[in-house]
Amino acid sequence: MNGLHYAYTESYKYIFKNNRLFMKNVLIISFLLVLYSSSYAQSSFEIKFGEEKELGSMISESNKKGEPVKWINVNTLKSTWSVEGNILYDSGQPTGVIRSEKQYENFILHVEWKHMDPGGNSGVFVWSNGSTVEEGNPYPNGIEVQILDPEWINIHKINGKPQTKAFISGEMWGVNGVTTVPDNPRGERSKGLEYRVKGHGIWNTYDVVCVDGIIKLAINGKFVNGISQSSQKKGYLCLESEGGKIYFRNLKIIKLPPGVTSAEQTAPVLH
């Protein structure tokens, strides 16, 4: 009996000990699943901001309201973005982008923006693949149209000297494998010919004309920059979050007739 009692007691201790370990592991796994689900819920969201119209309806002066533009999160958080009326608020945290639900080929983009912080940084990606290209890189491919507050060049001095004003003139360049030919070369980038960007807290206007691999940028009512021969000329639009608060408003996309674009010049379709 003593031997049986001892065996029973030891067996009970073993089962109880391992059950505790098992339950502990279950609780840890459950907690991680909750965190994962929460993170996934934050990352899989859509917002509506802006308006899309066909060129024909604009020419005919139709009163028909355009379609809302849907934006899908790529690698930010739901708390990064909020919409009130025709204004999109971007907190700048974390670094990343949202992308348009649709791809666009030939179009005119009108968007107004203002940085709220000195030296604020952001951008619009045109003809983008709408997804990150490699681990550790928060940006998609495409052509970036730079949106930078004028104080950036003073805040990020090199050897005590402000950086070149080219950064704040709506620079454009191919990102993550997309190539272009710059109108006004600064290396692989194209710099604006005039510095027309207003400082933080003041609204600026970009009109971006995108046709057959050519992009022309007007800043506050004047064309100052461009690129041509983009290796990718159909894809998604992306809006960027990059550290500082920025507001966007009155975003409009006017769709133009398509051109001759091959599959190789088109970003992969995302579902």
Protein backbone atom coordinates (compact mmCIF):
# COMPACT_ATOMS: atom_id res chain seq x y z
CA MET A 1 0.00 0.00 0.00
CA ASN A 2 2.80 2.39 0.86
CA GLY A 3 4.41 1.76 -2.54
CA LEU A 4 1.09 2.27 -4.33
CA HIS A 5 0.39 5.40 -2.28
CA TYR A 6 3.82 6.79 -3.13
CA ALA A 7 3.38 6.06 -6.85
CA TYR A 8 -0.08 7.64 -6.82
CA THR A 9 1.20 10.75 -5.01
CA GLU A 10 4.13 11.21 -7.38
CA SER A 11 1.88 10.68 -10.41
CA TYR A 12 -0.55 13.27 -9.09
CA LYS A 13 2.30 15.76 -8.54
CA TYR A 14 3.59 15.16 -12.07
CA ILE A 15 0.17 15.61 -13.65
CA PHE A 16 -0.57 18.74 -11.58
CA LYS A 17 2.85 20.25 -12.34
CA ASN A 18 2.55 19.60 -16.06
CA ASN A 19 -1.03 20.81 -16.14
CA ARG A 20 0.15 24.08 -14.60
CA LEU A 21 2.85 24.35 -17.26
CA PHE A 22 0.32 23.47 -19.92
CA MET A 23 -2.16 26.07 -18.68
CA LYS A 24 0.61 28.67 -18.44
CA ASN A 25 1.59 27.99 -22.05
CA VAL A 26 -2.05 28.16 -23.13
CA LEU A 27 -2.42 31.54 -21.42
CA ILE A 28 0.77 32.86 -23.05
CA ILE A 29 -0.32 31.65 -26.48
CA SER A 30 -3.79 33.11 -25.99
CA PHE A 31 -2.31 36.46 -24.98
CA LEU A 32 -0.07 36.52 -28.05
CA LEU A 33 -3.03 35.66 -30.28
CA VAL A 34 -5.01 38.53 -28.79
CA LEU A 35 -2.12 40.91 -29.45
CA TYR A 36 -1.78 39.60 -33.01
CA SER A 37 -5.52 39.91 -33.62
CA SER A 38 -5.50 43.45 -32.23
CA SER A 39 -2.54 44.40 -34.40
CA TYR A 40 -4.13 42.85 -37.45
CA ALA A 41 -7.39 44.63 -36.75
CA GLN A 42 -5.50 47.92 -36.58
CA SER A 43 -3.69 47.26 -39.84
CA SER A 44 -6.62 46.09 -41.96
CA PHE A 45 -8.69 49.23 -42.33
CA GLU A 46 -10.04 51.48 -45.06
CA ILE A 47 -10.83 55.18 -45.11
CA LYS A 48 -12.65 57.37 -47.61
CA PHE A 49 -11.01 60.64 -48.57
CA GLY A 50 -11.20 62.62 -51.78
CA GLU A 51 -13.17 62.37 -54.99
CA GLU A 52 -12.59 60.68 -58.34
CA LYS A 53 -14.13 61.94 -61.59
CA GLU A 54 -13.89 61.11 -65.27
CA LEU A 55 -12.56 63.80 -67.60
CA GLY A 56 -15.79 63.73 -69.61
CA SER A 57 -17.93 64.71 -66.64
CA MET A 58 -15.58 67.59 -65.87
CA ILE A 59 -15.75 68.91 -69.45
CA SER A 60 -19.53 68.63 -69.62
CA GLU A 61 -19.78 70.52 -66.32
CA SER A 62 -21.95 67.72 -65.01
CA ASN A 63 -23.28 68.23 -61.52
CA LYS A 64 -22.96 64.53 -60.90
CA LYS A 65 -20.95 63.90 -57.75
CA GLY A 66 -17.73 61.97 -58.17
CA GLU A 67 -16.90 58.64 -56.58
CA PRO A 68 -15.23 58.66 -53.15
CA VAL A 69 -11.62 57.51 -53.14
CA LYS A 70 -11.00 54.57 -50.83
CA TRP A 71 -7.62 54.19 -49.14
CA ILE A 72 -6.31 50.93 -47.72
CA ASN A 73 -3.70 50.71 -45.00
CA VAL A 74 -0.34 49.24 -45.94
CA ASN A 75 1.80 49.54 -42.80
CA THR A 76 0.49 52.28 -40.49
CA LEU A 77 -2.16 52.26 -37.74
CA LYS A 78 -5.79 53.24 -37.68
CA SER A 79 -4.86 55.98 -35.20
CA THR A 80 -2.47 57.47 -37.79
CA TRP A 81 -5.32 58.77 -39.93
CA SER A 82 -8.64 60.51 -39.34
CA VAL A 83 -11.08 62.25 -41.68
CA GLU A 84 -13.29 65.21 -40.87
CA GLY A 85 -15.21 66.67 -43.79
CA ASN A 86 -12.77 67.14 -46.67
CA ILE A 87 -9.65 67.05 -44.47
CA LEU A 88 -7.46 64.01 -43.80
CA TYR A 89 -5.38 64.26 -40.62
CA ASP A 90 -2.07 62.38 -40.64
CA SER A 91 -0.32 62.06 -37.26
CA GLY A 92 2.98 60.99 -38.86
CA GLN A 93 3.30 57.95 -36.58
CA PRO A 94 4.39 55.35 -37.48
CA THR A 95 6.29 55.77 -40.74
CA GLY A 96 4.44 54.13 -43.61
CA VAL A 97 1.74 54.64 -46.24
CA ILE A 98 -1.87 54.10 -47.17
CA ARG A 99 -2.71 53.24 -50.78
CA SER A 100 -5.63 53.89 -53.08
CA GLU A 101 -8.02 51.00 -53.59
CA LYS A 102 -7.72 51.38 -57.38
CA GLN A 103 -4.81 51.65 -59.75
CA TYR A 104 -4.50 54.74 -61.94
CA GLU A 105 -2.72 55.23 -65.24
CA ASN A 106 -3.33 58.66 -66.79
CA PHE A 107 -4.83 61.23 -64.45
CA ILE A 108 -4.57 64.62 -62.80
CA LEU A 109 -4.21 64.71 -59.03
CA HIS A 110 -5.13 67.85 -57.12
CA VAL A 111 -4.30 67.88 -53.42
CA GLU A 112 -3.82 70.62 -50.84
CA TRP A 113 -1.60 70.06 -47.82
CA LYS A 114 0.03 71.77 -44.86
CA HIS A 115 2.65 70.56 -42.43
CA MET A 116 1.90 71.33 -38.80
CA ASP A 117 5.47 70.87 -37.53
CA PRO A 118 8.64 72.74 -38.59
CA GLY A 119 10.64 70.50 -40.89
CA GLY A 120 7.74 68.11 -41.51
CA ASN A 121 8.25 65.39 -44.11
CA SER A 122 5.74 63.52 -46.28
CA GLY A 123 5.03 62.67 -49.90
CA VAL A 124 2.73 61.24 -52.54
CA PHE A 125 3.71 58.05 -54.38
CA VAL A 126 2.50 57.81 -57.98
CA TRP A 127 2.24 54.61 -60.08
CA SER A 128 3.19 52.58 -57.03
CA ASN A 129 3.00 48.87 -56.27
CA GLY A 130 1.17 49.87 -53.06
CA SER A 131 3.11 47.54 -50.77
CA THR A 132 6.45 47.40 -49.00
CA VAL A 133 9.25 45.90 -51.06
CA GLU A 134 11.54 44.44 -48.40
CA GLU A 135 11.79 43.90 -44.66
CA GLY A 136 12.87 47.01 -42.80
CA ASN A 137 11.90 49.34 -45.66
CA PRO A 138 8.57 51.10 -44.91
CA TYR A 139 8.08 52.46 -48.44
CA PRO A 140 6.55 51.02 -51.61
CA ASN A 141 7.96 51.51 -55.09
CA GLY A 142 6.79 54.19 -57.51
CA ILE A 143 7.64 57.84 -58.10
CA GLU A 144 7.76 59.95 -54.97
CA VAL A 145 6.54 63.52 -55.18
CA GLN A 146 8.20 65.13 -52.18
CA ILE A 147 6.16 67.14 -49.65
CA LEU A 148 8.61 68.88 -47.32
CA ASP A 149 8.39 71.85 -44.98
CA PRO A 150 11.00 74.56 -45.79
CA GLU A 151 12.52 74.33 -42.29
CA TRP A 152 13.70 70.78 -42.99
CA ILE A 153 16.90 71.96 -44.64
CA ASN A 154 17.79 74.06 -41.57
CA ILE A 155 16.90 71.41 -39.01
CA HIS A 156 19.00 68.81 -40.83
CA LYS A 157 22.15 70.85 -41.41
CA ILE A 158 25.37 69.21 -42.57
CA ASN A 159 28.58 70.61 -41.05
CA GLY A 160 26.58 73.57 -39.79
CA LYS A 161 25.22 74.46 -43.22
CA PRO A 162 21.60 74.14 -44.42
CA GLN A 163 20.99 71.45 -47.01
CA THR A 164 20.09 72.33 -50.60
CA LYS A 165 16.76 74.03 -51.28
CA ALA A 166 16.14 71.37 -53.93
CA PHE A 167 14.67 69.18 -51.19
CA ILE A 168 11.79 71.62 -50.65
CA SER A 169 10.88 72.29 -54.28
CA GLY A 170 8.71 69.24 -54.89
CA GLU A 171 11.55 66.92 -55.87
CA MET A 172 10.57 63.76 -57.76
CA TRP A 173 12.41 60.49 -58.28
CA GLY A 174 11.91 56.77 -58.81
CA VAL A 175 11.81 54.74 -55.60
CA ASN A 176 12.72 51.11 -54.94
CA GLY A 177 13.54 50.03 -58.46
CA VAL A 178 11.35 52.39 -60.52
CA THR A 179 13.47 54.49 -62.89
CA THR A 180 12.77 57.89 -64.47
CA VAL A 181 14.48 60.59 -66.51
CA PRO A 182 14.54 63.88 -64.52
CA ASP A 183 13.62 67.16 -66.22
CA ASN A 184 15.92 69.09 -63.89
CA PRO A 185 18.56 66.59 -62.75
CA ARG A 186 20.03 66.46 -59.28
CA GLY A 187 21.59 63.04 -59.61
CA GLU A 188 18.69 60.65 -60.23
CA ARG A 189 16.24 63.17 -58.78
CA SER A 190 14.44 66.03 -60.49
CA LYS A 191 14.42 69.33 -58.59
CA GLY A 192 11.94 72.16 -58.94
CA LEU A 193 13.04 75.29 -60.79
CA GLU A 194 11.42 77.61 -58.25
CA TYR A 195 10.98 77.29 -54.49
CA ARG A 196 7.26 77.91 -54.07
CA VAL A 197 6.42 75.89 -50.93
CA LYS A 198 4.94 77.86 -48.02
CA GLY A 199 5.93 77.14 -44.42
CA HIS A 200 4.22 74.94 -41.84
CA GLY A 201 0.70 75.90 -40.84
CA ILE A 202 -0.05 77.29 -44.34
CA TRP A 203 -1.94 75.41 -47.03
CA ASN A 204 -0.06 74.48 -50.22
CA THR A 205 -1.47 73.17 -53.50
CA TYR A 206 -0.03 70.43 -55.70
CA ASP A 207 -1.41 69.68 -59.16
CA VAL A 208 0.22 66.51 -60.47
CA VAL A 209 -0.38 65.63 -64.13
CA CYS A 210 0.49 62.00 -64.90
CA VAL A 211 0.34 60.84 -68.54
CA ASP A 212 2.14 57.95 -70.30
CA GLY A 213 5.13 57.81 -67.96
CA ILE A 214 5.45 61.60 -67.75
CA ILE A 215 4.70 63.61 -64.59
CA LYS A 216 4.47 67.39 -64.37
CA LEU A 217 4.13 69.11 -60.98
CA ALA A 218 2.64 72.54 -60.31
CA ILE A 219 3.21 74.03 -56.85
CA ASN A 220 0.82 76.76 -55.75
CA GLY A 221 -0.28 77.53 -59.29
CA LYS A 222 2.91 77.19 -61.34
CA PHE A 223 4.55 74.22 -63.06
CA VAL A 224 8.09 73.86 -61.73
CA ASN A 225 9.15 70.21 -62.05
CA GLY A 226 8.77 67.01 -64.04
CA ILE A 227 10.04 63.56 -64.93
CA SER A 228 9.61 61.33 -67.99
CA GLN A 229 10.13 57.75 -69.17
CA SER A 230 8.97 56.16 -65.93
CA SER A 231 9.59 52.42 -66.02
CA GLN A 232 6.24 51.97 -64.24
CA LYS A 233 3.30 54.04 -65.47
CA LYS A 234 0.22 52.43 -63.98
CA GLY A 235 -0.28 51.67 -60.30
CA TYR A 236 -1.59 52.86 -56.97
CA LEU A 237 -1.44 56.24 -55.30
CA CYS A 238 0.03 56.33 -51.79
CA LEU A 239 -0.02 58.99 -49.08
CA GLU A 240 2.88 58.97 -46.68
CA SER A 241 3.21 59.21 -42.91
CA GLU A 242 6.77 60.17 -42.00
CA GLY A 243 7.13 61.48 -38.48
CA GLY A 244 5.30 64.81 -38.41
CA LYS A 245 1.69 65.95 -38.46
CA ILE A 246 0.38 66.87 -41.90
CA TYR A 247 -3.14 67.66 -43.09
CA PHE A 248 -4.48 66.96 -46.58
CA ARG A 249 -7.66 68.42 -48.08
CA ASN A 250 -9.64 68.74 -51.31
CA LEU A 251 -8.07 65.70 -52.93
CA LYS A 252 -9.43 65.14 -56.43
CA ILE A 253 -8.45 62.61 -59.07
CA ILE A 254 -9.48 63.37 -62.67
CA LYS A 255 -9.16 60.20 -64.73
CA LEU A 256 -7.82 60.70 -68.26
CA PRO A 257 -8.01 58.30 -71.25
CA PRO A 258 -5.60 55.35 -71.00
CA GLY A 259 -2.46 55.09 -73.10
CA VAL A 260 -0.40 52.19 -74.42
CA THR A 261 0.87 50.54 -71.26
CA SER A 262 2.32 47.03 -71.15
CA ALA A 263 1.99 44.51 -68.33
CA GLU A 264 5.66 45.11 -67.51
CA GLN A 265 4.90 48.81 -66.98
CA THR A 266 1.99 48.07 -64.65
CA ALA A 267 2.22 47.41 -60.93
CA PRO A 268 0.87 44.03 -59.77
CA VAL A 269 -2.81 44.11 -58.83
CA LEU A 270 -3.44 43.73 -55.10
CA HIS A 271 -6.52 42.06 -53.67
